[in-house]
Amino acid sequence: MRVAATLTAADAVLQAMLAGRFLAGNFDSLALHGTNAIVLGVLTVVLLGMTVARSRVERGPWWPVAAAGALLAAEGLEVWIAQRNLLELHVPLGVGVIAALIMITTWAWRDPHAGRAPLRHSPEAQPAAEPR
């Protein structure tokens, strides 16, 4: 989970750097930006799968699944917007994608049990003993 979140966030930052190089006049960066969009999409699918597994198997919180799903949809929208040359929408949405990925990565590196329901047979799920 942590590796998937970190790699996805780092790739999103790389995506912004490639866009910056293109806007600075390096037109070769546009092809790399387009190719990296595919890599970012694949990494986000992996991240979504990891969040689903964490939520279902380890009884983790549900919101990372929703956030990763929303990120995947936002990245698809980014591609659609880019193909129509709507930079006034493409750039702010890209900033939002990076911000959301940083939030998910921060969550992934925090306590892995935060927000997790105790397992049925764990000591945390047992009722407290009555004092004698």
N, C-alpha and C. Protein backbone atom coordinates (compact mmCIF):
# COMPACT_ATOMS: atom_id res chain seq x y z
N MET A 1 0.83 -1.20 0.00
CA MET A 1 0.00 0.00 0.00
C MET A 1 0.86 1.25 0.00
N ARG A 2 1.83 1.26 0.93
CA ARG A 2 2.70 2.44 1.01
C ARG A 2 3.51 2.63 -0.25
N VAL A 3 4.03 1.53 -0.80
CA VAL A 3 4.85 1.62 -2.02
C VAL A 3 3.98 2.09 -3.19
N ALA A 4 2.79 1.52 -3.31
CA ALA A 4 1.90 1.91 -4.42
C ALA A 4 1.52 3.38 -4.31
N ALA A 5 1.20 3.84 -3.11
CA ALA A 5 0.82 5.25 -2.94
C ALA A 5 1.99 6.17 -3.23
N THR A 6 3.18 5.80 -2.75
CA THR A 6 4.35 6.65 -2.96
C THR A 6 4.74 6.71 -4.43
N LEU A 7 4.73 5.56 -5.11
CA LEU A 7 5.08 5.55 -6.53
C LEU A 7 4.06 6.35 -7.35
N THR A 8 2.80 6.23 -7.01
CA THR A 8 1.76 6.96 -7.76
C THR A 8 1.92 8.47 -7.54
N ALA A 9 2.15 8.88 -6.29
CA ALA A 9 2.34 10.30 -6.01
C ALA A 9 3.60 10.84 -6.70
N ALA A 10 4.69 10.06 -6.66
CA ALA A 10 5.93 10.51 -7.32
C ALA A 10 5.73 10.62 -8.83
N ASP A 11 4.99 9.69 -9.41
CA ASP A 11 4.73 9.75 -10.85
C ASP A 11 3.85 10.95 -11.20
N ALA A 12 2.93 11.29 -10.32
CA ALA A 12 2.09 12.48 -10.56
C ALA A 12 2.94 13.76 -10.52
N VAL A 13 3.91 13.81 -9.62
CA VAL A 13 4.81 14.97 -9.57
C VAL A 13 5.66 15.01 -10.84
N LEU A 14 6.14 13.85 -11.28
CA LEU A 14 6.88 13.78 -12.55
C LEU A 14 6.01 14.28 -13.70
N GLN A 15 4.73 13.93 -13.68
CA GLN A 15 3.80 14.38 -14.72
C GLN A 15 3.73 15.90 -14.76
N ALA A 16 3.66 16.51 -13.58
CA ALA A 16 3.63 17.99 -13.51
C ALA A 16 4.94 18.58 -14.02
N MET A 17 6.06 17.94 -13.69
CA MET A 17 7.36 18.44 -14.17
C MET A 17 7.45 18.37 -15.70
N LEU A 18 6.94 17.29 -16.28
CA LEU A 18 6.94 17.17 -17.74
C LEU A 18 6.05 18.23 -18.37
N ALA A 19 4.92 18.52 -17.74
CA ALA A 19 4.04 19.58 -18.23
C ALA A 19 4.73 20.93 -18.15
N GLY A 20 5.45 21.16 -17.07
CA GLY A 20 6.18 22.41 -16.91
C GLY A 20 7.25 22.59 -17.97
N ARG A 21 7.94 21.49 -18.29
CA ARG A 21 8.96 21.57 -19.35
C ARG A 21 8.32 21.90 -20.69
N PHE A 22 7.15 21.31 -20.94
CA PHE A 22 6.45 21.61 -22.19
C PHE A 22 6.03 23.08 -22.23
N LEU A 23 5.49 23.58 -21.12
CA LEU A 23 5.06 24.98 -21.10
C LEU A 23 6.24 25.94 -21.20
N ALA A 24 7.45 25.46 -20.83
CA ALA A 24 8.65 26.29 -20.95
C ALA A 24 9.23 26.26 -22.36
N GLY A 25 8.64 25.47 -23.25
CA GLY A 25 9.09 25.49 -24.63
C GLY A 25 9.75 24.21 -25.11
N ASN A 26 9.90 23.22 -24.24
CA ASN A 26 10.48 21.94 -24.66
C ASN A 26 9.35 21.07 -25.17
N PHE A 27 9.12 21.07 -26.48
CA PHE A 27 7.97 20.39 -27.05
C PHE A 27 8.10 18.87 -27.06
N ASP A 28 9.33 18.36 -26.89
CA ASP A 28 9.50 16.91 -26.79
C ASP A 28 8.87 16.37 -25.50
N SER A 29 8.74 17.21 -24.51
CA SER A 29 8.16 16.77 -23.23
C SER A 29 6.68 16.44 -23.35
N LEU A 30 6.02 16.95 -24.37
CA LEU A 30 4.59 16.67 -24.51
C LEU A 30 4.34 15.19 -24.76
N ALA A 31 5.18 14.56 -25.59
CA ALA A 31 5.02 13.12 -25.84
C ALA A 31 5.28 12.32 -24.56
N LEU A 32 6.29 12.71 -23.82
CA LEU A 32 6.58 12.03 -22.55
C LEU A 32 5.44 12.24 -21.56
N HIS A 33 4.86 13.44 -21.55
CA HIS A 33 3.72 13.74 -20.68
C HIS A 33 2.54 12.82 -21.02
N GLY A 34 2.29 12.61 -22.30
CA GLY A 34 1.20 11.72 -22.72
C GLY A 34 1.47 10.27 -22.35
N THR A 35 2.71 9.83 -22.56
CA THR A 35 3.07 8.46 -22.20
C THR A 35 3.00 8.25 -20.69
N ASN A 36 3.47 9.23 -19.94
CA ASN A 36 3.44 9.11 -18.49
C ASN A 36 2.01 9.14 -17.95
N ALA A 37 1.09 9.72 -18.69
CA ALA A 37 -0.31 9.68 -18.26
C ALA A 37 -0.81 8.24 -18.20
N ILE A 38 -0.35 7.43 -19.14
CA ILE A 38 -0.73 6.01 -19.14
C ILE A 38 -0.13 5.31 -17.93
N VAL A 39 1.14 5.59 -17.65
CA VAL A 39 1.80 5.00 -16.48
C VAL A 39 1.07 5.41 -15.20
N LEU A 40 0.71 6.68 -15.12
CA LEU A 40 0.00 7.18 -13.93
C LEU A 40 -1.35 6.48 -13.77
N GLY A 41 -2.03 6.25 -14.88
CA GLY A 41 -3.30 5.54 -14.82
C GLY A 41 -3.14 4.11 -14.32
N VAL A 42 -2.10 3.44 -14.81
CA VAL A 42 -1.85 2.05 -14.37
C VAL A 42 -1.50 2.03 -12.88
N LEU A 43 -0.67 2.95 -12.45
CA LEU A 43 -0.31 3.02 -11.03
C LEU A 43 -1.54 3.30 -10.16
N THR A 44 -2.43 4.14 -10.66
CA THR A 44 -3.64 4.45 -9.90
C THR A 44 -4.56 3.24 -9.82
N VAL A 45 -4.62 2.44 -10.88
CA VAL A 45 -5.41 1.20 -10.83
C VAL A 45 -4.81 0.26 -9.76
N VAL A 46 -3.49 0.15 -9.72
CA VAL A 46 -2.84 -0.68 -8.70
C VAL A 46 -3.16 -0.13 -7.30
N LEU A 47 -3.08 1.19 -7.16
CA LEU A 47 -3.40 1.81 -5.87
C LEU A 47 -4.85 1.54 -5.48
N LEU A 48 -5.76 1.62 -6.44
CA LEU A 48 -7.17 1.32 -6.15
C LEU A 48 -7.32 -0.13 -5.69
N GLY A 49 -6.64 -1.04 -6.37
CA GLY A 49 -6.70 -2.45 -5.96
C GLY A 49 -6.15 -2.66 -4.55
N MET A 50 -5.08 -1.96 -4.22
CA MET A 50 -4.50 -2.08 -2.88
C MET A 50 -5.45 -1.51 -1.82
N THR A 51 -6.10 -0.41 -2.12
CA THR A 51 -7.02 0.16 -1.13
C THR A 51 -8.25 -0.74 -0.94
N VAL A 52 -8.70 -1.36 -2.02
CA VAL A 52 -9.83 -2.30 -1.90
C VAL A 52 -9.42 -3.49 -1.04
N ALA A 53 -8.24 -4.02 -1.31
CA ALA A 53 -7.76 -5.16 -0.52
C ALA A 53 -7.61 -4.79 0.95
N ARG A 54 -7.07 -3.61 1.17
CA ARG A 54 -6.90 -3.17 2.57
C ARG A 54 -8.24 -3.01 3.26
N SER A 55 -9.20 -2.46 2.56
CA SER A 55 -10.52 -2.23 3.14
C SER A 55 -11.25 -3.55 3.41
N ARG A 56 -11.15 -4.50 2.47
CA ARG A 56 -11.91 -5.75 2.59
C ARG A 56 -11.21 -6.76 3.50
N VAL A 57 -9.91 -6.95 3.31
CA VAL A 57 -9.19 -7.99 4.03
C VAL A 57 -8.82 -7.53 5.44
N GLU A 58 -8.29 -6.35 5.55
CA GLU A 58 -7.81 -5.85 6.84
C GLU A 58 -8.83 -4.97 7.55
N ARG A 59 -10.00 -4.83 6.96
CA ARG A 59 -11.06 -4.00 7.54
C ARG A 59 -10.59 -2.55 7.76
N GLY A 60 -9.89 -2.06 6.76
CA GLY A 60 -9.42 -0.69 6.81
C GLY A 60 -10.56 0.27 6.49
N PRO A 61 -10.30 1.56 6.57
CA PRO A 61 -11.35 2.54 6.28
C PRO A 61 -11.76 2.50 4.80
N TRP A 62 -12.98 2.94 4.52
CA TRP A 62 -13.52 2.89 3.16
C TRP A 62 -13.11 4.10 2.33
N TRP A 63 -12.76 5.22 3.00
CA TRP A 63 -12.56 6.45 2.23
C TRP A 63 -11.36 6.39 1.28
N PRO A 64 -10.27 5.65 1.58
CA PRO A 64 -9.22 5.57 0.57
C PRO A 64 -9.67 4.89 -0.73
N VAL A 65 -10.61 3.94 -0.62
CA VAL A 65 -11.14 3.29 -1.83
C VAL A 65 -11.89 4.32 -2.67
N ALA A 66 -12.73 5.11 -2.00
CA ALA A 66 -13.48 6.15 -2.71
C ALA A 66 -12.53 7.20 -3.30
N ALA A 67 -11.49 7.56 -2.54
CA ALA A 67 -10.53 8.56 -3.03
C ALA A 67 -9.75 8.03 -4.23
N ALA A 68 -9.30 6.78 -4.17
CA ALA A 68 -8.55 6.21 -5.29
C ALA A 68 -9.45 6.06 -6.52
N GLY A 69 -10.71 5.69 -6.31
CA GLY A 69 -11.65 5.60 -7.43
C GLY A 69 -11.91 6.96 -8.05
N ALA A 70 -12.05 7.97 -7.19
CA ALA A 70 -12.25 9.33 -7.70
C ALA A 70 -11.01 9.83 -8.45
N LEU A 71 -9.83 9.44 -7.95
CA LEU A 71 -8.59 9.82 -8.64
C LEU A 71 -8.53 9.21 -10.04
N LEU A 72 -8.91 7.94 -10.13
CA LEU A 72 -8.89 7.28 -11.44
C LEU A 72 -9.85 7.98 -12.40
N ALA A 73 -11.02 8.35 -11.90
CA ALA A 73 -11.99 9.08 -12.74
C ALA A 73 -11.43 10.45 -13.12
N ALA A 74 -10.79 11.13 -12.18
CA ALA A 74 -10.22 12.45 -12.46
C ALA A 74 -9.11 12.36 -13.49
N GLU A 75 -8.31 11.30 -13.41
CA GLU A 75 -7.24 11.14 -14.40
C GLU A 75 -7.81 10.87 -15.79
N GLY A 76 -8.89 10.12 -15.86
CA GLY A 76 -9.56 9.92 -17.15
C GLY A 76 -10.11 11.22 -17.69
N LEU A 77 -10.67 12.02 -16.80
CA LEU A 77 -11.17 13.34 -17.20
C LEU A 77 -10.01 14.23 -17.65
N GLU A 78 -8.87 14.11 -16.99
CA GLU A 78 -7.68 14.88 -17.38
C GLU A 78 -7.29 14.58 -18.83
N VAL A 79 -7.30 13.32 -19.19
CA VAL A 79 -6.94 12.93 -20.56
C VAL A 79 -7.96 13.52 -21.55
N TRP A 80 -9.23 13.41 -21.20
CA TRP A 80 -10.28 13.94 -22.08
C TRP A 80 -10.13 15.45 -22.26
N ILE A 81 -9.85 16.14 -21.17
CA ILE A 81 -9.68 17.60 -21.22
C ILE A 81 -8.43 17.96 -22.02
N ALA A 82 -7.36 17.19 -21.84
CA ALA A 82 -6.11 17.48 -22.55
C ALA A 82 -6.29 17.31 -24.06
N GLN A 83 -7.05 16.30 -24.46
CA GLN A 83 -7.26 16.07 -25.89
C GLN A 83 -8.06 17.20 -26.53
N ARG A 84 -8.75 17.99 -25.72
CA ARG A 84 -9.52 19.13 -26.25
C ARG A 84 -8.79 20.46 -26.02
N ASN A 85 -7.52 20.36 -25.57
CA ASN A 85 -6.68 21.55 -25.35
C ASN A 85 -7.31 22.56 -24.41
N LEU A 86 -7.95 22.09 -23.37
CA LEU A 86 -8.56 22.97 -22.37
C LEU A 86 -7.61 23.10 -21.18
N LEU A 87 -6.51 23.81 -21.39
CA LEU A 87 -5.48 23.93 -20.35
C LEU A 87 -6.00 24.64 -19.11
N GLU A 88 -6.98 25.53 -19.29
CA GLU A 88 -7.53 26.24 -18.13
C GLU A 88 -8.24 25.29 -17.16
N LEU A 89 -8.63 24.10 -17.64
CA LEU A 89 -9.21 23.07 -16.77
C LEU A 89 -8.20 21.97 -16.44
N HIS A 90 -7.31 21.69 -17.39
CA HIS A 90 -6.34 20.60 -17.25
C HIS A 90 -5.36 20.87 -16.11
N VAL A 91 -4.84 22.05 -16.03
CA VAL A 91 -3.83 22.37 -15.02
C VAL A 91 -4.41 22.34 -13.60
N PRO A 92 -5.54 23.01 -13.33
CA PRO A 92 -6.07 22.94 -11.95
C PRO A 92 -6.48 21.53 -11.54
N LEU A 93 -7.04 20.76 -12.46
CA LEU A 93 -7.42 19.40 -12.12
C LEU A 93 -6.18 18.55 -11.82
N GLY A 94 -5.11 18.80 -12.56
CA GLY A 94 -3.85 18.10 -12.29
C GLY A 94 -3.31 18.44 -10.91
N VAL A 95 -3.42 19.69 -10.52
CA VAL A 95 -2.98 20.09 -9.18
C VAL A 95 -3.83 19.38 -8.12
N GLY A 96 -5.12 19.28 -8.38
CA GLY A 96 -6.00 18.57 -7.45
C GLY A 96 -5.66 17.09 -7.34
N VAL A 97 -5.31 16.47 -8.47
CA VAL A 97 -4.91 15.06 -8.46
C VAL A 97 -3.66 14.87 -7.60
N ILE A 98 -2.70 15.76 -7.76
CA ILE A 98 -1.46 15.65 -6.98
C ILE A 98 -1.76 15.85 -5.49
N ALA A 99 -2.59 16.82 -5.17
CA ALA A 99 -2.93 17.06 -3.76
C ALA A 99 -3.62 15.86 -3.15
N ALA A 100 -4.54 15.26 -3.89
CA ALA A 100 -5.24 14.08 -3.37
C ALA A 100 -4.29 12.91 -3.20
N LEU A 101 -3.36 12.75 -4.14
CA LEU A 101 -2.39 11.65 -4.01
C LEU A 101 -1.47 11.86 -2.82
N ILE A 102 -1.11 13.08 -2.53
CA ILE A 102 -0.28 13.35 -1.36
C ILE A 102 -1.06 13.03 -0.08
N MET A 103 -2.34 13.33 -0.06
CA MET A 103 -3.16 12.99 1.11
C MET A 103 -3.25 11.48 1.30
N ILE A 104 -3.46 10.73 0.24
CA ILE A 104 -3.54 9.27 0.35
C ILE A 104 -2.19 8.70 0.77
N THR A 105 -1.11 9.25 0.23
CA THR A 105 0.22 8.76 0.59
C THR A 105 0.52 9.05 2.06
N THR A 106 0.15 10.22 2.52
CA THR A 106 0.33 10.56 3.93
C THR A 106 -0.45 9.58 4.81
N TRP A 107 -1.68 9.29 4.42
CA TRP A 107 -2.49 8.34 5.18
C TRP A 107 -1.82 6.96 5.20
N ALA A 108 -1.30 6.54 4.02
CA ALA A 108 -0.70 5.21 3.93
C ALA A 108 0.52 5.07 4.84
N TRP A 109 1.25 6.16 5.06
CA TRP A 109 2.46 6.09 5.89
C TRP A 109 2.17 6.31 7.37
N ARG A 110 0.95 6.65 7.72
CA ARG A 110 0.58 6.78 9.13
C ARG A 110 0.33 5.41 9.72
N ASP A 111 -0.17 5.40 10.93
CA ASP A 111 -0.47 4.14 11.60
C ASP A 111 -1.34 3.25 10.71
N PRO A 112 -0.85 2.06 10.35
CA PRO A 112 -1.62 1.21 9.45
C PRO A 112 -2.92 0.71 10.05
N HIS A 113 -3.08 0.83 11.35
CA HIS A 113 -4.29 0.34 11.99
C HIS A 113 -5.27 1.46 12.31
N ALA A 114 -4.93 2.68 11.93
CA ALA A 114 -5.80 3.82 12.24
C ALA A 114 -7.13 3.66 11.52
N GLY A 115 -8.20 3.80 12.25
CA GLY A 115 -9.52 3.71 11.67
C GLY A 115 -9.96 2.31 11.35
N ARG A 116 -9.22 1.30 11.75
CA ARG A 116 -9.53 -0.08 11.43
C ARG A 116 -10.37 -0.70 12.53
N ALA A 117 -11.40 -1.40 12.15
CA ALA A 117 -12.24 -2.08 13.13
C ALA A 117 -11.48 -3.27 13.69
N PRO A 118 -11.59 -3.57 14.98
CA PRO A 118 -10.88 -4.71 15.53
C PRO A 118 -11.42 -6.01 14.94
N LEU A 119 -10.54 -7.00 14.78
CA LEU A 119 -10.95 -8.29 14.28
C LEU A 119 -11.81 -9.00 15.33
N ARG A 120 -12.64 -9.92 14.88
CA ARG A 120 -13.59 -10.58 15.76
C ARG A 120 -12.90 -11.29 16.92
N HIS A 121 -11.76 -11.92 16.71
CA HIS A 121 -11.10 -12.69 17.76
C HIS A 121 -9.92 -11.96 18.38
N SER A 122 -9.77 -10.69 18.09
CA SER A 122 -8.65 -9.96 18.66
C SER A 122 -8.96 -9.57 20.10
N PRO A 123 -7.95 -9.34 20.93
CA PRO A 123 -8.19 -8.93 22.30
C PRO A 123 -8.97 -7.62 22.39
N GLU A 124 -8.85 -6.76 21.35
CA GLU A 124 -9.55 -5.49 21.37
C GLU A 124 -11.06 -5.67 21.26
N ALA A 125 -11.49 -6.77 20.62
CA ALA A 125 -12.91 -7.01 20.40
C ALA A 125 -13.57 -7.68 21.61
N GLN A 126 -12.79 -8.20 22.54
CA GLN A 126 -13.34 -8.88 23.71
C GLN A 126 -13.84 -7.85 24.71
N PRO A 127 -14.95 -8.14 25.38
CA PRO A 127 -15.44 -7.19 26.39
C PRO A 127 -14.47 -7.12 27.56
N ALA A 128 -14.41 -5.96 28.17
CA ALA A 128 -13.51 -5.78 29.31
C ALA A 128 -14.00 -6.61 30.49
N ALA A 129 -13.05 -7.15 31.25
CA ALA A 129 -13.38 -7.97 32.41
C ALA A 129 -13.90 -7.08 33.53
N GLU A 130 -14.85 -7.61 34.27
CA GLU A 130 -15.42 -6.88 35.41
C GLU A 130 -14.38 -6.80 36.53
N PRO A 131 -14.25 -5.65 37.20
CA PRO A 131 -13.30 -5.58 38.32
C PRO A 131 -13.83 -6.39 39.51
N ARG A 132 -12.93 -7.01 40.22
CA ARG A 132 -13.32 -7.85 41.37
C ARG A 132 -13.33 -7.08 42.65
